[in-house]
Amino acid sequence: MQDTYQALSVALEEDLLPLSGLLHQHGVMHRIFEEGGRQIVLVGRQDQAQQVQDLYEAWRAGDVRIERTRHASQDTTIPMRAVLLNAPVTLALILLSVGGFLMYLYMPMNWLDALSFSSSQVSDNQGLFQAIDGQYWRLITPAFLHFGWLHIVFNCLWLWDLGRRVEQVMGHLNMFMLFLVIAVVSNASQFEFGGGGLFGGMSGVVYGLLGFSWAAPQLQPAWPIQPPKAVMIFMVGWLLVCMSGMVEVLGFGAIANAAHLGGLLCGAVVGVVFAGFSRLDSDKAAAPKV
């Protein structure tokens, strides 16, 4: 879990927008929020805390000036290559999902069977561990299988939007571990509650990231990953519509509702746990030493 460190605590009436722009120009990722009647500036690395304090003092003393021009705005735009490099795990998951879709389109069916949750020889009434029969990759690989253009495009777009934000806050290793946990829970939920037929898709993980992104900032406001309320209403509303059976009645095929719900709940629980520990670490770092 990525720690955060308090760099500044200033009065509420002070306008920190110019300072925020200055920090962005120096490549310092930060978060400004209100706590206890003060404005708190948090950074991701301990060495950046002193850098923020030095820039703040220089700015207040008039030693540095920030010009808000169109040219400066263009200069601070992050190149697409840098964005991709900041979220390699999310990008890898998207590429593997595209690979799973191409496998569905062009490869023999036995290849697909090898990556599904359970072999086609397994009956629906067998338990979880009987279904995977020691082939533990089956707990993960169904997330990469996709069965239509709408399926793969929808999941990849949401995975990129949610996943890269979470990865930038959590770090690459934690993002990978988060994916593994959500994938196992969502796939196992679908098998246990939805039956042992062929299922797949990254949507269980997408809903897990949605749950994580919504729950974690409730405890750790330094993580700017919470999706807009309209997005939450749309995604949860779509989940409820799918669970009602209306989508299947309209002929759009079977929906892995158990995977979606399991992923959403799993992501929210993990988000609360991670954010809780991060908040405790932040409070300890910010506590005055006597």
C-alpha atoms as a PDB file:
ATOM      1  CA  MET A   1       0.000   0.000   0.000  1.00  0.00           C
ATOM      2  CA  GLN A   2       1.354   3.405  -0.994  1.00  0.00           C
ATOM      3  CA  ASP A   3       1.879   5.781   1.958  1.00  0.00           C
ATOM      4  CA  THR A   4       1.094   9.479   1.966  1.00  0.00           C
ATOM      5  CA  TYR A   5       2.960  12.209   3.824  1.00  0.00           C
ATOM      6  CA  GLN A   6       1.739  15.574   5.065  1.00  0.00           C
ATOM      7  CA  ALA A   7       3.715  18.404   3.516  1.00  0.00           C
ATOM      8  CA  LEU A   8       1.706  21.489   4.536  1.00  0.00           C
ATOM      9  CA  SER A   9      -1.097  22.611   6.818  1.00  0.00           C
ATOM     10  CA  VAL A  10      -2.378  26.129   6.122  1.00  0.00           C
ATOM     11  CA  ALA A  11      -5.435  28.235   6.851  1.00  0.00           C
ATOM     12  CA  LEU A  12      -8.642  27.662   4.893  1.00  0.00           C
ATOM     13  CA  GLU A  13      -8.764  31.193   3.522  1.00  0.00           C
ATOM     14  CA  GLU A  14      -5.403  30.849   1.747  1.00  0.00           C
ATOM     15  CA  ASP A  15      -5.698  30.196  -1.999  1.00  0.00           C
ATOM     16  CA  LEU A  16      -3.473  27.219  -2.789  1.00  0.00           C
ATOM     17  CA  LEU A  17      -4.452  26.962  -6.450  1.00  0.00           C
ATOM     18  CA  PRO A  18      -1.282  28.724  -7.680  1.00  0.00           C
ATOM     19  CA  LEU A  19       0.818  26.453  -5.445  1.00  0.00           C
ATOM     20  CA  SER A  20      -0.926  23.408  -6.875  1.00  0.00           C
ATOM     21  CA  GLY A  21      -0.037  24.573 -10.379  1.00  0.00           C
ATOM     22  CA  LEU A  22       3.572  25.107  -9.298  1.00  0.00           C
ATOM     23  CA  LEU A  23       3.741  21.593  -7.857  1.00  0.00           C
ATOM     24  CA  HIS A  24       2.359  20.138 -11.075  1.00  0.00           C
ATOM     25  CA  GLN A  25       5.041  21.995 -13.028  1.00  0.00           C
ATOM     26  CA  HIS A  26       7.677  20.341 -10.833  1.00  0.00           C
ATOM     27  CA  GLY A  27       6.114  16.902 -11.258  1.00  0.00           C
ATOM     28  CA  VAL A  28       5.002  16.595  -7.621  1.00  0.00           C
ATOM     29  CA  MET A  29       1.827  14.514  -7.345  1.00  0.00           C
ATOM     30  CA  HIS A  30      -0.215  15.827  -4.447  1.00  0.00           C
ATOM     31  CA  ARG A  31      -3.648  16.062  -2.879  1.00  0.00           C
ATOM     32  CA  ILE A  32      -5.204  19.075  -1.117  1.00  0.00           C
ATOM     33  CA  PHE A  33      -8.186  18.607   1.188  1.00  0.00           C
ATOM     34  CA  GLU A  34      -9.789  20.124   4.259  1.00  0.00           C
ATOM     35  CA  GLU A  35      -9.372  18.570   7.685  1.00  0.00           C
ATOM     36  CA  GLY A  36      -9.904  20.093  11.118  1.00  0.00           C
ATOM     37  CA  GLY A  37     -10.470  23.570   9.730  1.00  0.00           C
ATOM     38  CA  ARG A  38      -7.159  23.560   7.824  1.00  0.00           C
ATOM     39  CA  GLN A  39      -6.009  22.857   4.273  1.00  0.00           C
ATOM     40  CA  ILE A  40      -3.780  19.792   4.195  1.00  0.00           C
ATOM     41  CA  VAL A  41      -1.326  19.049   1.378  1.00  0.00           C
ATOM     42  CA  LEU A  42      -0.318  15.382   1.080  1.00  0.00           C
ATOM     43  CA  VAL A  43       2.343  13.888  -1.162  1.00  0.00           C
ATOM     44  CA  GLY A  44       3.286  10.334  -2.055  1.00  0.00           C
ATOM     45  CA  ARG A  45       6.955  10.392  -1.048  1.00  0.00           C
ATOM     46  CA  GLN A  46       8.585  11.642   2.120  1.00  0.00           C
ATOM     47  CA  ASP A  47      11.327  13.496   0.263  1.00  0.00           C
ATOM     48  CA  GLN A  48       8.669  15.483  -1.620  1.00  0.00           C
ATOM     49  CA  ALA A  49       7.319  16.938   1.630  1.00  0.00           C
ATOM     50  CA  GLN A  50      10.402  19.128   2.056  1.00  0.00           C
ATOM     51  CA  GLN A  51      10.274  20.076  -1.630  1.00  0.00           C
ATOM     52  CA  VAL A  52       6.679  21.266  -1.204  1.00  0.00           C
ATOM     53  CA  GLN A  53       7.618  23.323   1.845  1.00  0.00           C
ATOM     54  CA  ASP A  54      10.535  24.943  -0.004  1.00  0.00           C
ATOM     55  CA  LEU A  55       8.359  25.795  -3.017  1.00  0.00           C
ATOM     56  CA  TYR A  56       5.632  27.156  -0.741  1.00  0.00           C
ATOM     57  CA  GLU A  57       8.060  29.445   1.083  1.00  0.00           C
ATOM     58  CA  ALA A  58       9.606  30.619  -2.214  1.00  0.00           C
ATOM     59  CA  TRP A  59       6.146  31.287  -3.653  1.00  0.00           C
ATOM     60  CA  ARG A  60       4.989  33.232  -0.581  1.00  0.00           C
ATOM     61  CA  ALA A  61       8.225  35.219  -0.606  1.00  0.00           C
ATOM     62  CA  GLY A  62       7.709  36.142  -4.255  1.00  0.00           C
ATOM     63  CA  ASP A  63      10.844  34.338  -5.429  1.00  0.00           C
ATOM     64  CA  VAL A  64       8.850  32.274  -7.943  1.00  0.00           C
ATOM     65  CA  ARG A  65       5.971  33.389 -10.117  1.00  0.00           C
ATOM     66  CA  ILE A  66       3.337  31.282 -11.871  1.00  0.00           C
ATOM     67  CA  GLU A  67       2.068  32.490 -15.233  1.00  0.00           C
ATOM     68  CA  ARG A  68      -1.274  31.000 -16.218  1.00  0.00           C
ATOM     69  CA  THR A  69      -0.944  31.050 -19.978  1.00  0.00           C
ATOM     70  CA  ARG A  70      -2.178  28.745 -22.698  1.00  0.00           C
ATOM     71  CA  HIS A  71       1.416  27.935 -23.605  1.00  0.00           C
ATOM     72  CA  ALA A  72       2.213  26.886 -20.046  1.00  0.00           C
ATOM     73  CA  SER A  73      -0.884  24.717 -19.963  1.00  0.00           C
ATOM     74  CA  GLN A  74       0.204  22.938 -23.101  1.00  0.00           C
ATOM     75  CA  ASP A  75       3.721  22.422 -21.728  1.00  0.00           C
ATOM     76  CA  THR A  76       2.392  20.661 -18.635  1.00  0.00           C
ATOM     77  CA  THR A  77       0.226  18.211 -20.579  1.00  0.00           C
ATOM     78  CA  ILE A  78       1.278  14.656 -19.785  1.00  0.00           C
ATOM     79  CA  PRO A  79       2.260  12.742 -22.965  1.00  0.00           C
ATOM     80  CA  MET A  80       0.259   9.611 -23.753  1.00  0.00           C
ATOM     81  CA  ARG A  81       3.418   7.515 -23.482  1.00  0.00           C
ATOM     82  CA  ALA A  82       3.903   8.688 -19.879  1.00  0.00           C
ATOM     83  CA  VAL A  83       0.254   7.899 -19.067  1.00  0.00           C
ATOM     84  CA  LEU A  84       0.685   4.358 -20.410  1.00  0.00           C
ATOM     85  CA  LEU A  85       3.919   3.837 -18.493  1.00  0.00           C
ATOM     86  CA  ASN A  86       2.229   4.979 -15.274  1.00  0.00           C
ATOM     87  CA  ALA A  87      -0.348   2.173 -15.550  1.00  0.00           C
ATOM     88  CA  PRO A  88       1.471  -0.884 -16.968  1.00  0.00           C
ATOM     89  CA  VAL A  89      -0.641  -3.415 -15.042  1.00  0.00           C
ATOM     90  CA  THR A  90      -3.899  -1.922 -16.292  1.00  0.00           C
ATOM     91  CA  LEU A  91      -2.535  -1.823 -19.838  1.00  0.00           C
ATOM     92  CA  ALA A  92      -1.405  -5.465 -19.576  1.00  0.00           C
ATOM     93  CA  LEU A  93      -4.879  -6.527 -18.401  1.00  0.00           C
ATOM     94  CA  ILE A  94      -6.446  -4.783 -21.395  1.00  0.00           C
ATOM     95  CA  LEU A  95      -4.041  -6.462 -23.825  1.00  0.00           C
ATOM     96  CA  LEU A  96      -4.673  -9.882 -22.270  1.00  0.00           C
ATOM     97  CA  SER A  97      -8.414  -9.275 -22.534  1.00  0.00           C
ATOM     98  CA  VAL A  98      -8.056  -8.435 -26.229  1.00  0.00           C
ATOM     99  CA  GLY A  99      -6.009 -11.619 -26.585  1.00  0.00           C
ATOM    100  CA  GLY A 100      -8.784 -13.638 -24.944  1.00  0.00           C
ATOM    101  CA  PHE A 101     -11.328 -12.157 -27.350  1.00  0.00           C
ATOM    102  CA  LEU A 102      -9.154 -12.989 -30.381  1.00  0.00           C
ATOM    103  CA  MET A 103      -8.768 -16.519 -29.041  1.00  0.00           C
ATOM    104  CA  TYR A 104     -12.547 -16.831 -28.878  1.00  0.00           C
ATOM    105  CA  LEU A 105     -12.814 -15.640 -32.494  1.00  0.00           C
ATOM    106  CA  TYR A 106     -10.029 -17.602 -34.145  1.00  0.00           C
ATOM    107  CA  MET A 107      -8.717 -20.416 -31.947  1.00  0.00           C
ATOM    108  CA  PRO A 108     -10.047 -23.978 -31.483  1.00  0.00           C
ATOM    109  CA  MET A 109     -12.662 -24.471 -28.799  1.00  0.00           C
ATOM    110  CA  ASN A 110     -10.382 -26.664 -26.682  1.00  0.00           C
ATOM    111  CA  TRP A 111      -8.097 -23.634 -26.156  1.00  0.00           C
ATOM    112  CA  LEU A 112     -11.048 -21.724 -24.737  1.00  0.00           C
ATOM    113  CA  ASP A 113     -11.966 -24.694 -22.567  1.00  0.00           C
ATOM    114  CA  ALA A 114      -8.454 -24.693 -21.065  1.00  0.00           C
ATOM    115  CA  LEU A 115      -8.921 -21.103 -19.837  1.00  0.00           C
ATOM    116  CA  SER A 116     -12.528 -21.364 -18.635  1.00  0.00           C
ATOM    117  CA  PHE A 117     -13.344 -21.729 -14.942  1.00  0.00           C
ATOM    118  CA  SER A 118     -14.153 -25.408 -15.237  1.00  0.00           C
ATOM    119  CA  SER A 119     -13.636 -28.005 -17.900  1.00  0.00           C
ATOM    120  CA  SER A 120     -16.593 -28.879 -20.124  1.00  0.00           C
ATOM    121  CA  GLN A 121     -16.491 -32.318 -18.508  1.00  0.00           C
ATOM    122  CA  VAL A 122     -17.347 -30.853 -15.095  1.00  0.00           C
ATOM    123  CA  SER A 123     -21.003 -30.923 -14.100  1.00  0.00           C
ATOM    124  CA  ASP A 124     -22.801 -28.024 -12.433  1.00  0.00           C
ATOM    125  CA  ASN A 125     -23.266 -29.819  -9.122  1.00  0.00           C
ATOM    126  CA  GLN A 126     -19.554 -30.204  -8.402  1.00  0.00           C
ATOM    127  CA  GLY A 127     -17.895 -27.998  -5.811  1.00  0.00           C
ATOM    128  CA  LEU A 128     -15.424 -25.205  -6.420  1.00  0.00           C
ATOM    129  CA  PHE A 129     -12.226 -27.153  -5.869  1.00  0.00           C
ATOM    130  CA  GLN A 130     -13.541 -30.183  -7.750  1.00  0.00           C
ATOM    131  CA  ALA A 131     -14.297 -27.899 -10.692  1.00  0.00           C
ATOM    132  CA  ILE A 132     -10.784 -26.501 -11.005  1.00  0.00           C
ATOM    133  CA  ASP A 133      -9.189 -29.897 -10.201  1.00  0.00           C
ATOM    134  CA  GLY A 134      -5.848 -28.380  -9.139  1.00  0.00           C
ATOM    135  CA  GLN A 135      -5.662 -26.165 -12.238  1.00  0.00           C
ATOM    136  CA  TYR A 136      -5.580 -22.973 -10.239  1.00  0.00           C
ATOM    137  CA  TRP A 137      -5.102 -20.663 -13.207  1.00  0.00           C
ATOM    138  CA  ARG A 138      -8.802 -21.272 -13.913  1.00  0.00           C
ATOM    139  CA  LEU A 139      -9.610 -19.041 -10.932  1.00  0.00           C
ATOM    140  CA  ILE A 140      -8.168 -16.080 -12.884  1.00  0.00           C
ATOM    141  CA  THR A 141      -8.237 -16.727 -16.637  1.00  0.00           C
ATOM    142  CA  PRO A 142     -12.018 -16.432 -17.238  1.00  0.00           C
ATOM    143  CA  ALA A 143     -11.576 -12.680 -16.688  1.00  0.00           C
ATOM    144  CA  PHE A 144      -9.690 -12.509 -20.007  1.00  0.00           C
ATOM    145  CA  LEU A 145     -12.331 -14.332 -22.066  1.00  0.00           C
ATOM    146  CA  HIS A 146     -14.730 -12.120 -24.028  1.00  0.00           C
ATOM    147  CA  PHE A 147     -17.477 -13.180 -26.410  1.00  0.00           C
ATOM    148  CA  GLY A 148     -18.448 -10.108 -28.410  1.00  0.00           C
ATOM    149  CA  TRP A 149     -17.316  -6.696 -29.641  1.00  0.00           C
ATOM    150  CA  LEU A 150     -19.559  -4.783 -27.243  1.00  0.00           C
ATOM    151  CA  HIS A 151     -18.354  -7.007 -24.407  1.00  0.00           C
ATOM    152  CA  ILE A 152     -14.642  -6.349 -24.988  1.00  0.00           C
ATOM    153  CA  VAL A 153     -14.964  -2.632 -25.812  1.00  0.00           C
ATOM    154  CA  PHE A 154     -17.172  -1.888 -22.795  1.00  0.00           C
ATOM    155  CA  ASN A 155     -14.862  -3.714 -20.390  1.00  0.00           C
ATOM    156  CA  CYS A 156     -11.623  -2.271 -21.775  1.00  0.00           C
ATOM    157  CA  LEU A 157     -12.873   1.316 -21.623  1.00  0.00           C
ATOM    158  CA  TRP A 158     -14.042   0.995 -18.029  1.00  0.00           C
ATOM    159  CA  LEU A 159     -10.943  -0.960 -17.044  1.00  0.00           C
ATOM    160  CA  TRP A 160      -8.704   1.810 -18.380  1.00  0.00           C
ATOM    161  CA  ASP A 161     -10.749   4.599 -16.784  1.00  0.00           C
ATOM    162  CA  LEU A 162     -10.917   3.005 -13.329  1.00  0.00           C
ATOM    163  CA  GLY A 163      -7.793   0.853 -13.321  1.00  0.00           C
ATOM    164  CA  ARG A 164      -5.209   3.497 -14.207  1.00  0.00           C
ATOM    165  CA  ARG A 165      -6.461   5.808 -11.452  1.00  0.00           C
ATOM    166  CA  VAL A 166      -6.308   3.054  -8.864  1.00  0.00           C
ATOM    167  CA  GLU A 167      -2.870   1.939 -10.074  1.00  0.00           C
ATOM    168  CA  GLN A 168      -1.424   5.450  -9.818  1.00  0.00           C
ATOM    169  CA  VAL A 169      -2.576   5.632  -6.198  1.00  0.00           C
ATOM    170  CA  MET A 170      -1.858   2.049  -5.123  1.00  0.00           C
ATOM    171  CA  GLY A 171       1.261   1.273  -7.100  1.00  0.00           C
ATOM    172  CA  HIS A 172       1.836  -1.454  -9.685  1.00  0.00           C
ATOM    173  CA  LEU A 173       2.277  -4.440  -7.351  1.00  0.00           C
ATOM    174  CA  ASN A 174      -0.771  -3.595  -5.252  1.00  0.00           C
ATOM    175  CA  MET A 175      -2.817  -3.097  -8.408  1.00  0.00           C
ATOM    176  CA  PHE A 176      -1.800  -6.551  -9.619  1.00  0.00           C
ATOM    177  CA  MET A 177      -2.664  -8.139  -6.264  1.00  0.00           C
ATOM    178  CA  LEU A 178      -5.974  -6.272  -6.206  1.00  0.00           C
ATOM    179  CA  PHE A 179      -6.802  -7.668  -9.643  1.00  0.00           C
ATOM    180  CA  LEU A 180      -6.011 -11.217  -8.507  1.00  0.00           C
ATOM    181  CA  VAL A 181      -8.238 -10.971  -5.428  1.00  0.00           C
ATOM    182  CA  ILE A 182     -11.197  -9.463  -7.289  1.00  0.00           C
ATOM    183  CA  ALA A 183     -10.847 -11.893 -10.218  1.00  0.00           C
ATOM    184  CA  VAL A 184     -10.849 -14.936  -7.912  1.00  0.00           C
ATOM    185  CA  VAL A 185     -13.837 -13.699  -5.902  1.00  0.00           C
ATOM    186  CA  SER A 186     -15.907 -12.655  -8.935  1.00  0.00           C
ATOM    187  CA  ASN A 187     -15.199 -15.860 -10.898  1.00  0.00           C
ATOM    188  CA  ALA A 188     -15.829 -18.102  -7.886  1.00  0.00           C
ATOM    189  CA  SER A 189     -19.065 -16.207  -7.139  1.00  0.00           C
ATOM    190  CA  GLN A 190     -20.285 -16.748 -10.683  1.00  0.00           C
ATOM    191  CA  PHE A 191     -19.533 -20.468 -10.501  1.00  0.00           C
ATOM    192  CA  GLU A 192     -21.178 -20.943  -7.103  1.00  0.00           C
ATOM    193  CA  PHE A 193     -24.312 -18.875  -7.736  1.00  0.00           C
ATOM    194  CA  GLY A 194     -24.603 -18.789 -11.508  1.00  0.00           C
ATOM    195  CA  GLY A 195     -23.723 -22.367 -12.398  1.00  0.00           C
ATOM    196  CA  GLY A 196     -20.786 -24.017 -14.105  1.00  0.00           C
ATOM    197  CA  GLY A 197     -21.490 -23.042 -17.715  1.00  0.00           C
ATOM    198  CA  LEU A 198     -18.993 -21.135 -19.836  1.00  0.00           C
ATOM    199  CA  PHE A 199     -18.621 -17.572 -18.605  1.00  0.00           C
ATOM    200  CA  GLY A 200     -15.979 -14.891 -18.818  1.00  0.00           C
ATOM    201  CA  GLY A 201     -15.158 -11.225 -19.032  1.00  0.00           C
ATOM    202  CA  MET A 202     -13.371  -8.473 -17.139  1.00  0.00           C
ATOM    203  CA  SER A 203     -16.620  -6.911 -15.956  1.00  0.00           C
ATOM    204  CA  GLY A 204     -16.407  -8.559 -12.519  1.00  0.00           C
ATOM    205  CA  VAL A 205     -13.019  -6.893 -12.070  1.00  0.00           C
ATOM    206  CA  VAL A 206     -14.395  -3.604 -13.429  1.00  0.00           C
ATOM    207  CA  TYR A 207     -17.149  -3.665 -10.816  1.00  0.00           C
ATOM    208  CA  GLY A 208     -14.521  -4.542  -8.200  1.00  0.00           C
ATOM    209  CA  LEU A 209     -12.467  -1.498  -9.153  1.00  0.00           C
ATOM    210  CA  LEU A 210     -15.649   0.570  -9.053  1.00  0.00           C
ATOM    211  CA  GLY A 211     -16.367  -0.629  -5.511  1.00  0.00           C
ATOM    212  CA  PHE A 212     -12.771   0.026  -4.473  1.00  0.00           C
ATOM    213  CA  SER A 213     -12.764   3.512  -6.043  1.00  0.00           C
ATOM    214  CA  TRP A 214     -15.975   4.445  -4.266  1.00  0.00           C
ATOM    215  CA  ALA A 215     -15.237   2.996  -0.822  1.00  0.00           C
ATOM    216  CA  ALA A 216     -11.524   3.760  -0.344  1.00  0.00           C
ATOM    217  CA  PRO A 217     -11.697   7.592  -0.562  1.00  0.00           C
ATOM    218  CA  GLN A 218     -14.388   7.602   2.118  1.00  0.00           C
ATOM    219  CA  LEU A 219     -11.622   6.721   4.605  1.00  0.00           C
ATOM    220  CA  GLN A 220      -8.596   8.091   2.748  1.00  0.00           C
ATOM    221  CA  PRO A 221      -9.458  11.425   1.094  1.00  0.00           C
ATOM    222  CA  ALA A 222      -5.869  11.720  -0.163  1.00  0.00           C
ATOM    223  CA  TRP A 223      -6.761   9.196  -2.887  1.00  0.00           C
ATOM    224  CA  PRO A 224      -8.487  11.199  -5.687  1.00  0.00           C
ATOM    225  CA  ILE A 225     -10.024   8.146  -7.363  1.00  0.00           C
ATOM    226  CA  GLN A 226     -13.696   8.365  -6.450  1.00  0.00           C
ATOM    227  CA  PRO A 227     -15.866   8.200  -9.589  1.00  0.00           C
ATOM    228  CA  PRO A 228     -18.592  10.808 -10.124  1.00  0.00           C
ATOM    229  CA  LYS A 229     -21.957  10.045  -8.571  1.00  0.00           C
ATOM    230  CA  ALA A 230     -23.529   9.825 -12.036  1.00  0.00           C
ATOM    231  CA  VAL A 231     -21.127   7.014 -12.943  1.00  0.00           C
ATOM    232  CA  MET A 232     -22.005   5.096  -9.773  1.00  0.00           C
ATOM    233  CA  ILE A 233     -25.724   5.496 -10.453  1.00  0.00           C
ATOM    234  CA  PHE A 234     -25.293   4.298 -14.046  1.00  0.00           C
ATOM    235  CA  MET A 235     -23.131   1.286 -13.160  1.00  0.00           C
ATOM    236  CA  VAL A 236     -25.182   0.144 -10.186  1.00  0.00           C
ATOM    237  CA  GLY A 237     -28.379   0.783 -12.143  1.00  0.00           C
ATOM    238  CA  TRP A 238     -27.093  -1.357 -15.012  1.00  0.00           C
ATOM    239  CA  LEU A 239     -26.230  -4.095 -12.521  1.00  0.00           C
ATOM    240  CA  LEU A 240     -29.764  -4.044 -11.128  1.00  0.00           C
ATOM    241  CA  VAL A 241     -31.294  -4.095 -14.626  1.00  0.00           C
ATOM    242  CA  CYS A 242     -29.165  -7.114 -15.521  1.00  0.00           C
ATOM    243  CA  MET A 243     -30.080  -8.898 -12.281  1.00  0.00           C
ATOM    244  CA  SER A 244     -33.761  -8.353 -13.049  1.00  0.00           C
ATOM    245  CA  GLY A 245     -33.399 -10.536 -16.152  1.00  0.00           C
ATOM    246  CA  MET A 246     -34.601  -7.804 -18.490  1.00  0.00           C
ATOM    247  CA  VAL A 247     -31.395  -7.837 -20.566  1.00  0.00           C
ATOM    248  CA  GLU A 248     -31.653 -11.573 -21.233  1.00  0.00           C
ATOM    249  CA  VAL A 249     -35.332 -11.250 -22.142  1.00  0.00           C
ATOM    250  CA  LEU A 250     -34.411  -8.646 -24.755  1.00  0.00           C
ATOM    251  CA  GLY A 251     -32.043 -11.155 -26.356  1.00  0.00           C
ATOM    252  CA  PHE A 252     -28.646  -9.764 -25.326  1.00  0.00           C
ATOM    253  CA  GLY A 253     -27.499 -13.090 -23.902  1.00  0.00           C
ATOM    254  CA  ALA A 254     -26.738 -14.338 -20.413  1.00  0.00           C
ATOM    255  CA  ILE A 255     -25.131 -11.896 -17.979  1.00  0.00           C
ATOM    256  CA  ALA A 256     -22.677 -12.964 -15.252  1.00  0.00           C
ATOM    257  CA  ASN A 257     -24.583 -11.143 -12.524  1.00  0.00           C
ATOM    258  CA  ALA A 258     -22.988 -13.077  -9.658  1.00  0.00           C
ATOM    259  CA  ALA A 259     -19.519 -12.096 -10.912  1.00  0.00           C
ATOM    260  CA  HIS A 260     -20.543  -8.433 -11.093  1.00  0.00           C
ATOM    261  CA  LEU A 261     -22.052  -8.342  -7.626  1.00  0.00           C
ATOM    262  CA  GLY A 262     -19.255 -10.420  -6.095  1.00  0.00           C
ATOM    263  CA  GLY A 263     -16.636  -8.165  -7.655  1.00  0.00           C
ATOM    264  CA  LEU A 264     -18.375  -4.982  -6.505  1.00  0.00           C
ATOM    265  CA  LEU A 265     -18.645  -6.149  -2.893  1.00  0.00           C
ATOM    266  CA  CYS A 266     -15.104  -7.552  -2.863  1.00  0.00           C
ATOM    267  CA  GLY A 267     -13.627  -4.329  -4.221  1.00  0.00           C
ATOM    268  CA  ALA A 268     -15.505  -2.238  -1.656  1.00  0.00           C
ATOM    269  CA  VAL A 269     -14.319  -4.410   1.249  1.00  0.00           C
ATOM    270  CA  VAL A 270     -10.697  -4.389   0.063  1.00  0.00           C
ATOM    271  CA  GLY A 271     -10.930  -0.632  -0.473  1.00  0.00           C
ATOM    272  CA  VAL A 272     -12.061  -0.087   3.117  1.00  0.00           C
ATOM    273  CA  VAL A 273      -9.223  -2.276   4.438  1.00  0.00           C
ATOM    274  CA  PHE A 274      -6.499  -0.638   2.325  1.00  0.00           C
ATOM    275  CA  ALA A 275      -7.740   2.897   2.953  1.00  0.00           C
ATOM    276  CA  GLY A 276      -8.096   2.216   6.680  1.00  0.00           C
ATOM    277  CA  PHE A 277      -4.464   1.148   6.998  1.00  0.00           C
ATOM    278  CA  SER A 278      -3.317   4.050   4.811  1.00  0.00           C
ATOM    279  CA  ARG A 279      -5.254   6.540   6.928  1.00  0.00           C
ATOM    280  CA  LEU A 280      -3.692   5.136  10.108  1.00  0.00           C
ATOM    281  CA  ASP A 281      -0.231   5.499   8.565  1.00  0.00           C
ATOM    282  CA  SER A 282      -1.010   9.069   7.488  1.00  0.00           C
ATOM    283  CA  ASP A 283      -2.300  10.006  10.935  1.00  0.00           C
ATOM    284  CA  LYS A 284       0.841   8.609  12.568  1.00  0.00           C
ATOM    285  CA  ALA A 285       3.076  10.519  10.143  1.00  0.00           C
ATOM    286  CA  ALA A 286       1.157  13.759  10.710  1.00  0.00           C
ATOM    287  CA  ALA A 287       0.980  13.427  14.506  1.00  0.00           C
ATOM    288  CA  PRO A 288       3.146  15.933  16.399  1.00  0.00           C
ATOM    289  CA  LYS A 289       6.213  14.427  18.012  1.00  0.00           C
ATOM    290  CA  VAL A 290       6.764  15.199  21.682  1.00  0.00           C
END
